[in-house]
Amino acid sequence: MEQYSSKPDEAFDHQSFGRVMVLSGGSSAERDISLDSGRNVLGALKDAGIDCFMVDPRESLSPLITEQYDRAFIALHGRGGEDGSIQGTLELLGKPYTGSGILASALAMNKLKAKQVWDSVNVASAPYQLLSKETDWAAVMSWFGGPAMVKPAHEGSSIGMCRVTTAEQLEAAYREAAEYDSLVFAEKWIPGSEYTVAILDGNALPVVGVKPGREYYDYQAKYLEDDNQFLLPCGLSDALEQTVKNLALKAFDALDCRGWGRVDIILDDAGQPWVLEVNSAPGMNRESLTPMAAEAAGLNYQNLVVEILKTTLS
């Protein structure tokens, strides 16, 4: 892993970034989380002496055309910001931006399509079934042979997710998830320990162990409760931590993601890691998992933001 310094890189001229637009807010269910990420990123850029300003695409997209700027830092989460839409707009305008490109962003946002890509390159992810109004709920639960997790295909931050153990619960969870997305699937529940791997410019940062206060790391655990535990060091052997990192990088690369992101993984009771999802624009408040991993690698929040922005220069 590349070694980072908590001190600013005095040899690097921050003026080479030009003027930076921070995109934050948007119209997705993750709007509030995005606004928090954007405010923190904007503050870090200003503290680094970088000329920057914030735009909320929900208010208007016209600043992307009318404002003078040289590149964009995407702090948007969910639909419209993490699914290739804003990336396509910036591509048309010829503006460099942080994070993955159009197709990679769309694939990472669509959990079902991502799983299909991973299946094609032997990246382990949980077996799944597509759900619809016509689904035979009892047959699906019998196929899983145990608990399952219902997920809307296009939501982040665990929005609309629900663990189920019966056919009745599966149907109810489907109907709830379908309020967020027309594409809903269920995947086999894998008991084990959760880990997350932040990726920066091709390097896997230290693995963070996640011990939620609830049964699993859902929206409430992530944003509304404070009894979660995050383990750094993660508690794995060096060899197993490297295995987890390698799987994260393979899952990230399989979707053709670039720049930075985060991969969530579960390690089952037999010690096998399974990919849960790739986040192409993960949360960036100062307590988020990516800044936490960066800090363990010797990279403070301000320098992390600058390093992410540097990926737009190449």
Foldseek 3Di string as FASTA:
>chain_A
DDFDAQDDDPVDDLCVQPEEEEEFQEDAPCRVLRNLQSVQLVVLCVVVVHHYDYDYPVVHPCCVPPPDGAAYEQSYDFPPRQQLNVLVVCVVVVHFYFKFHRQLSNCQQQQVNLVVLCVVVVQFAFDKDWDDPPDPLQVVLVVLVAKKKKAARGHPQQPLIDIDGHSVVVVVSVVSRCVRHVTMMIGRDFDAWKWKWKDAQLDTFQIKTKAFPDPDRHNCRVPPDDPIDIDVNRPDDPVLRVVVSVSQSVSCVSSPMGGIWMWMWGQHPVRDIHTDGIGRNDRRNQPDPNQVRVVSSNYHSSRVSVSSSVRSVD
